[in-house]
N, C-alpha and C. Protein backbone atom coordinates (compact mmCIF):
# COMPACT_ATOMS: atom_id res chain seq x y z
N UNK A 1 -6.94 2.12 18.67
CA UNK A 1 -7.01 1.08 17.65
C UNK A 1 -5.63 0.45 17.54
N UNK A 2 -5.59 -0.82 17.75
CA UNK A 2 -4.29 -1.49 17.65
C UNK A 2 -4.46 -2.79 16.87
N UNK A 3 -3.34 -3.42 16.63
CA UNK A 3 -3.28 -4.69 15.92
C UNK A 3 -3.81 -4.59 14.50
N UNK A 4 -3.53 -3.48 13.83
CA UNK A 4 -3.81 -3.34 12.42
C UNK A 4 -2.55 -3.74 11.67
N UNK A 5 -2.71 -4.28 10.47
CA UNK A 5 -1.53 -4.62 9.67
C UNK A 5 -1.86 -4.49 8.20
N UNK A 6 -0.81 -4.30 7.41
CA UNK A 6 -0.95 -4.18 5.96
C UNK A 6 0.31 -4.75 5.33
N UNK A 7 0.14 -5.34 4.14
CA UNK A 7 1.28 -5.88 3.40
C UNK A 7 1.58 -4.99 2.21
N UNK A 8 2.85 -4.92 1.88
CA UNK A 8 3.25 -4.13 0.73
C UNK A 8 4.75 -4.21 0.51
N UNK A 9 5.21 -3.35 -0.38
CA UNK A 9 6.62 -3.30 -0.74
C UNK A 9 7.21 -1.98 -0.25
N UNK A 10 8.36 -2.05 0.40
CA UNK A 10 8.99 -0.83 0.89
C UNK A 10 9.38 0.02 -0.32
N UNK A 11 8.89 1.24 -0.34
CA UNK A 11 9.10 2.16 -1.44
C UNK A 11 10.19 3.19 -1.13
N UNK A 12 10.17 3.74 0.08
CA UNK A 12 11.11 4.78 0.46
C UNK A 12 11.32 4.75 1.97
N UNK A 13 12.58 4.89 2.39
CA UNK A 13 12.92 4.98 3.81
C UNK A 13 13.63 6.31 4.03
N UNK A 14 13.13 7.09 4.97
CA UNK A 14 13.70 8.40 5.27
C UNK A 14 14.66 8.31 6.44
N UNK A 15 15.51 9.33 6.58
CA UNK A 15 16.46 9.41 7.69
C UNK A 15 15.71 9.66 9.01
N UNK A 16 16.35 9.27 10.10
CA UNK A 16 15.81 9.54 11.43
C UNK A 16 15.86 11.04 11.70
N UNK A 17 14.77 11.56 12.26
CA UNK A 17 14.69 12.98 12.62
C UNK A 17 14.71 13.12 14.14
N UNK A 18 15.53 14.02 14.64
CA UNK A 18 15.54 14.30 16.07
C UNK A 18 14.63 15.51 16.30
N UNK A 19 13.44 15.23 16.84
CA UNK A 19 12.45 16.28 17.07
C UNK A 19 12.82 17.09 18.32
N UNK A 20 13.13 16.40 19.40
CA UNK A 20 13.66 17.02 20.62
C UNK A 20 14.79 16.12 21.11
N UNK A 21 15.41 16.48 22.20
CA UNK A 21 16.51 15.66 22.73
C UNK A 21 16.04 14.29 23.20
N UNK A 22 14.75 14.13 23.44
CA UNK A 22 14.22 12.85 23.92
C UNK A 22 13.23 12.20 22.95
N UNK A 23 13.02 12.82 21.78
CA UNK A 23 12.02 12.28 20.85
C UNK A 23 12.57 12.26 19.43
N UNK A 24 12.66 11.04 18.87
CA UNK A 24 13.08 10.87 17.48
C UNK A 24 12.00 10.13 16.72
N UNK A 25 11.98 10.35 15.40
CA UNK A 25 11.06 9.59 14.57
C UNK A 25 11.71 9.32 13.22
N UNK A 26 11.24 8.26 12.58
CA UNK A 26 11.72 7.88 11.26
C UNK A 26 10.52 7.44 10.45
N UNK A 27 10.42 7.93 9.23
CA UNK A 27 9.28 7.62 8.38
C UNK A 27 9.70 6.71 7.23
N UNK A 28 8.75 5.91 6.77
CA UNK A 28 8.97 5.08 5.59
C UNK A 28 7.64 4.90 4.86
N UNK A 29 7.73 4.59 3.57
CA UNK A 29 6.55 4.44 2.74
C UNK A 29 6.53 3.04 2.16
N UNK A 30 5.35 2.41 2.18
CA UNK A 30 5.18 1.15 1.46
C UNK A 30 4.11 1.36 0.39
N UNK A 31 4.16 0.52 -0.65
CA UNK A 31 3.13 0.49 -1.68
C UNK A 31 2.39 -0.82 -1.49
N UNK A 32 1.07 -0.74 -1.33
CA UNK A 32 0.29 -1.94 -1.06
C UNK A 32 0.18 -2.83 -2.29
N UNK A 33 -0.08 -4.10 -2.03
CA UNK A 33 -0.22 -5.12 -3.08
C UNK A 33 -1.71 -5.33 -3.35
N UNK A 34 -2.30 -4.46 -4.12
CA UNK A 34 -3.71 -4.61 -4.45
C UNK A 34 -3.98 -4.03 -5.82
N UNK A 35 -5.19 -4.17 -6.31
CA UNK A 35 -5.52 -3.72 -7.66
C UNK A 35 -5.18 -2.24 -7.85
N UNK A 36 -5.50 -1.42 -6.86
CA UNK A 36 -5.18 0.00 -6.91
C UNK A 36 -4.19 0.29 -5.78
N UNK A 37 -2.88 0.11 -6.04
CA UNK A 37 -1.87 0.26 -4.98
C UNK A 37 -1.92 1.63 -4.32
N UNK A 38 -1.69 1.62 -3.03
CA UNK A 38 -1.69 2.84 -2.23
C UNK A 38 -0.30 3.07 -1.66
N UNK A 39 0.14 4.31 -1.64
CA UNK A 39 1.40 4.69 -1.00
C UNK A 39 1.06 5.12 0.42
N UNK A 40 1.50 4.35 1.40
CA UNK A 40 1.18 4.61 2.81
C UNK A 40 2.45 4.99 3.56
N UNK A 41 2.40 6.12 4.25
CA UNK A 41 3.57 6.58 5.02
C UNK A 41 3.37 6.23 6.49
N UNK A 42 4.33 5.51 7.04
CA UNK A 42 4.32 5.10 8.44
C UNK A 42 5.40 5.87 9.17
N UNK A 43 5.24 5.95 10.50
CA UNK A 43 6.30 6.53 11.31
C UNK A 43 6.67 5.57 12.42
N UNK A 44 7.96 5.55 12.70
CA UNK A 44 8.52 4.80 13.82
C UNK A 44 9.01 5.84 14.81
N UNK A 45 8.68 5.66 16.09
CA UNK A 45 9.09 6.67 17.07
C UNK A 45 9.97 6.08 18.17
N UNK A 46 10.79 6.95 18.72
CA UNK A 46 11.70 6.66 19.83
C UNK A 46 12.54 5.42 19.57
N UNK A 47 12.45 4.40 20.42
CA UNK A 47 13.29 3.21 20.29
C UNK A 47 12.91 2.33 19.11
N UNK A 48 11.82 2.60 18.44
CA UNK A 48 11.38 1.79 17.29
C UNK A 48 12.00 2.25 15.97
N UNK A 49 12.73 3.40 15.97
CA UNK A 49 13.27 3.93 14.71
C UNK A 49 14.23 2.98 14.01
N UNK A 50 14.84 2.08 14.75
CA UNK A 50 15.80 1.15 14.15
C UNK A 50 15.14 -0.07 13.51
N UNK A 51 13.85 -0.26 13.71
CA UNK A 51 13.18 -1.46 13.16
C UNK A 51 13.32 -1.58 11.65
N UNK A 52 13.37 -0.48 10.94
CA UNK A 52 13.40 -0.51 9.47
C UNK A 52 14.79 -0.81 8.92
N UNK A 53 15.82 -0.73 9.75
CA UNK A 53 17.19 -0.86 9.28
C UNK A 53 17.51 -2.20 8.64
N UNK A 54 16.86 -3.26 9.04
CA UNK A 54 17.18 -4.57 8.47
C UNK A 54 16.44 -4.85 7.16
N UNK A 55 15.66 -3.90 6.69
CA UNK A 55 14.89 -4.06 5.46
C UNK A 55 15.37 -3.09 4.40
N UNK A 56 15.14 -3.44 3.14
CA UNK A 56 15.61 -2.63 2.03
C UNK A 56 14.43 -2.19 1.17
N UNK A 57 14.61 -1.08 0.46
CA UNK A 57 13.60 -0.65 -0.50
C UNK A 57 13.41 -1.75 -1.54
N UNK A 58 12.17 -2.03 -1.89
CA UNK A 58 11.85 -3.11 -2.81
C UNK A 58 11.48 -4.42 -2.13
N UNK A 59 11.70 -4.52 -0.82
CA UNK A 59 11.41 -5.74 -0.08
C UNK A 59 9.94 -5.77 0.33
N UNK A 60 9.33 -6.94 0.24
CA UNK A 60 7.94 -7.11 0.66
C UNK A 60 7.89 -7.34 2.17
N UNK A 61 6.98 -6.62 2.82
CA UNK A 61 6.88 -6.69 4.27
C UNK A 61 5.43 -6.64 4.72
N UNK A 62 5.23 -7.03 5.96
CA UNK A 62 3.98 -6.79 6.67
C UNK A 62 4.29 -5.79 7.77
N UNK A 63 3.50 -4.72 7.83
CA UNK A 63 3.70 -3.68 8.84
C UNK A 63 2.54 -3.74 9.82
N UNK A 64 2.85 -3.86 11.09
CA UNK A 64 1.85 -3.82 12.16
C UNK A 64 1.89 -2.41 12.73
N UNK A 65 0.71 -1.81 12.93
CA UNK A 65 0.69 -0.40 13.32
C UNK A 65 -0.53 -0.05 14.14
N UNK A 66 -0.43 1.10 14.78
CA UNK A 66 -1.56 1.71 15.49
C UNK A 66 -1.98 2.94 14.70
N UNK A 67 -3.25 3.21 14.70
CA UNK A 67 -3.81 4.38 14.05
C UNK A 67 -3.95 5.48 15.09
N UNK A 68 -3.32 6.62 14.86
CA UNK A 68 -3.35 7.73 15.81
C UNK A 68 -3.94 8.96 15.14
N UNK A 69 -4.82 9.66 15.84
CA UNK A 69 -5.42 10.88 15.32
C UNK A 69 -5.27 12.02 16.32
N UNK A 70 -5.17 13.23 15.79
CA UNK A 70 -5.05 14.37 16.69
C UNK A 70 -5.68 15.60 16.05
N UNK A 71 -6.06 16.51 16.92
CA UNK A 71 -6.65 17.78 16.50
C UNK A 71 -5.61 18.88 16.71
N UNK A 72 -5.56 19.83 15.78
CA UNK A 72 -4.62 20.93 15.88
C UNK A 72 -5.36 22.21 15.51
N UNK A 73 -5.31 23.18 16.39
CA UNK A 73 -6.00 24.44 16.15
C UNK A 73 -5.00 25.58 16.08
N UNK A 74 -5.12 26.39 15.04
CA UNK A 74 -4.30 27.60 14.89
C UNK A 74 -5.26 28.74 14.58
N UNK A 75 -5.36 29.66 15.50
CA UNK A 75 -6.33 30.75 15.32
C UNK A 75 -7.74 30.17 15.36
N UNK A 76 -8.49 30.46 14.33
CA UNK A 76 -9.87 29.95 14.25
C UNK A 76 -9.98 28.69 13.40
N UNK A 77 -8.86 28.23 12.86
CA UNK A 77 -8.89 27.06 11.99
C UNK A 77 -8.46 25.81 12.75
N UNK A 78 -9.27 24.77 12.67
CA UNK A 78 -8.95 23.49 13.30
C UNK A 78 -8.71 22.46 12.21
N UNK A 79 -7.64 21.71 12.35
CA UNK A 79 -7.31 20.64 11.40
C UNK A 79 -7.19 19.33 12.16
N UNK A 80 -7.32 18.24 11.42
CA UNK A 80 -7.23 16.90 12.00
C UNK A 80 -6.19 16.11 11.22
N UNK A 81 -5.36 15.39 11.96
CA UNK A 81 -4.28 14.62 11.36
C UNK A 81 -4.36 13.17 11.81
N UNK A 82 -3.94 12.29 10.93
CA UNK A 82 -3.88 10.85 11.23
C UNK A 82 -2.45 10.38 11.02
N UNK A 83 -1.95 9.56 11.93
CA UNK A 83 -0.62 8.97 11.80
C UNK A 83 -0.75 7.45 11.85
N UNK A 84 0.07 6.79 11.06
CA UNK A 84 0.17 5.33 11.11
C UNK A 84 1.47 5.04 11.86
N UNK A 85 1.33 4.63 13.10
CA UNK A 85 2.47 4.45 13.99
C UNK A 85 2.88 2.97 14.00
N UNK A 86 3.93 2.65 13.25
CA UNK A 86 4.38 1.26 13.13
C UNK A 86 5.08 0.81 14.40
N UNK A 87 4.83 -0.44 14.80
CA UNK A 87 5.50 -0.98 15.98
C UNK A 87 6.13 -2.34 15.72
N UNK A 88 5.85 -2.93 14.55
CA UNK A 88 6.54 -4.18 14.16
C UNK A 88 6.55 -4.28 12.65
N UNK A 89 7.66 -4.76 12.10
CA UNK A 89 7.80 -5.00 10.66
C UNK A 89 8.29 -6.42 10.49
N UNK A 90 7.67 -7.14 9.56
CA UNK A 90 8.07 -8.53 9.29
C UNK A 90 8.28 -8.70 7.79
N UNK A 91 9.32 -9.45 7.43
CA UNK A 91 9.51 -9.78 6.03
C UNK A 91 8.36 -10.67 5.59
N UNK A 92 7.81 -10.38 4.44
CA UNK A 92 6.70 -11.18 3.92
C UNK A 92 7.30 -12.48 3.39
N UNK A 93 6.76 -13.59 3.85
CA UNK A 93 7.27 -14.90 3.45
C UNK A 93 7.03 -15.13 1.96
N UNK A 94 8.03 -15.70 1.32
CA UNK A 94 7.88 -16.08 -0.08
C UNK A 94 7.08 -17.36 -0.14
N UNK A 95 6.02 -17.41 -0.94
CA UNK A 95 5.20 -18.63 -0.99
C UNK A 95 6.01 -19.82 -1.47
N UNK A 96 5.78 -20.94 -0.83
CA UNK A 96 6.44 -22.18 -1.21
C UNK A 96 5.59 -22.87 -2.26
N UNK A 97 6.24 -23.38 -3.28
CA UNK A 97 5.52 -24.05 -4.36
C UNK A 97 4.87 -25.33 -3.83
N UNK A 98 3.63 -25.55 -4.21
CA UNK A 98 2.91 -26.75 -3.78
C UNK A 98 2.95 -27.84 -4.84
N UNK A 99 3.91 -27.75 -5.74
CA UNK A 99 4.00 -28.77 -6.77
C UNK A 99 4.48 -30.07 -6.15
N UNK A 100 3.78 -31.13 -6.48
CA UNK A 100 4.18 -32.44 -5.97
C UNK A 100 4.68 -33.27 -7.14
N UNK A 101 5.29 -34.38 -6.81
CA UNK A 101 5.79 -35.27 -7.85
C UNK A 101 4.62 -35.79 -8.67
N UNK A 102 4.83 -35.98 -9.97
CA UNK A 102 3.74 -36.49 -10.81
C UNK A 102 3.29 -37.87 -10.33
N UNK A 103 2.01 -38.12 -10.46
CA UNK A 103 1.47 -39.43 -10.06
C UNK A 103 1.99 -40.49 -11.01
N UNK A 104 2.30 -41.68 -10.47
CA UNK A 104 2.79 -42.76 -11.36
C UNK A 104 1.68 -43.17 -12.31
N UNK A 105 2.12 -43.59 -13.50
CA UNK A 105 1.13 -44.01 -14.51
C UNK A 105 0.51 -45.32 -14.07
N UNK A 106 -0.74 -45.45 -14.37
CA UNK A 106 -1.49 -46.63 -13.97
C UNK A 106 -1.58 -47.61 -15.13
N UNK A 107 -1.74 -48.87 -14.83
CA UNK A 107 -1.91 -49.89 -15.85
C UNK A 107 -3.37 -50.08 -16.22
N UNK A 108 -4.23 -49.24 -15.67
CA UNK A 108 -5.66 -49.36 -15.96
C UNK A 108 -5.92 -48.90 -17.39
N UNK A 109 -6.86 -49.55 -18.09
CA UNK A 109 -7.08 -49.23 -19.49
C UNK A 109 -7.86 -47.93 -19.70
N UNK A 110 -8.32 -47.29 -18.70
CA UNK A 110 -9.10 -46.06 -18.92
C UNK A 110 -8.50 -44.91 -18.19
């Protein structure tokens, strides 16, 4: 599943974690802009960990991501995990006001 996106406000940015000598990841959380806001945690991996550096907590963004799922078994118990793997972050554009100049008054009697 690719080309998913969501808009929200950056809530928390975590430090980069070095998992192995060749694998790093960095997580961040956004709060969605909807009636019932959701706190969504995304991860950036490898060369993408720096994408979040140009953004600040409190900034509105659009996050493009892939949905990743995996199975993990320990003993007789199997668990399933989902990751939101971000691959692009964009600043959410501030809406431009559509106010136009007032219409000139007319000489019409009505």
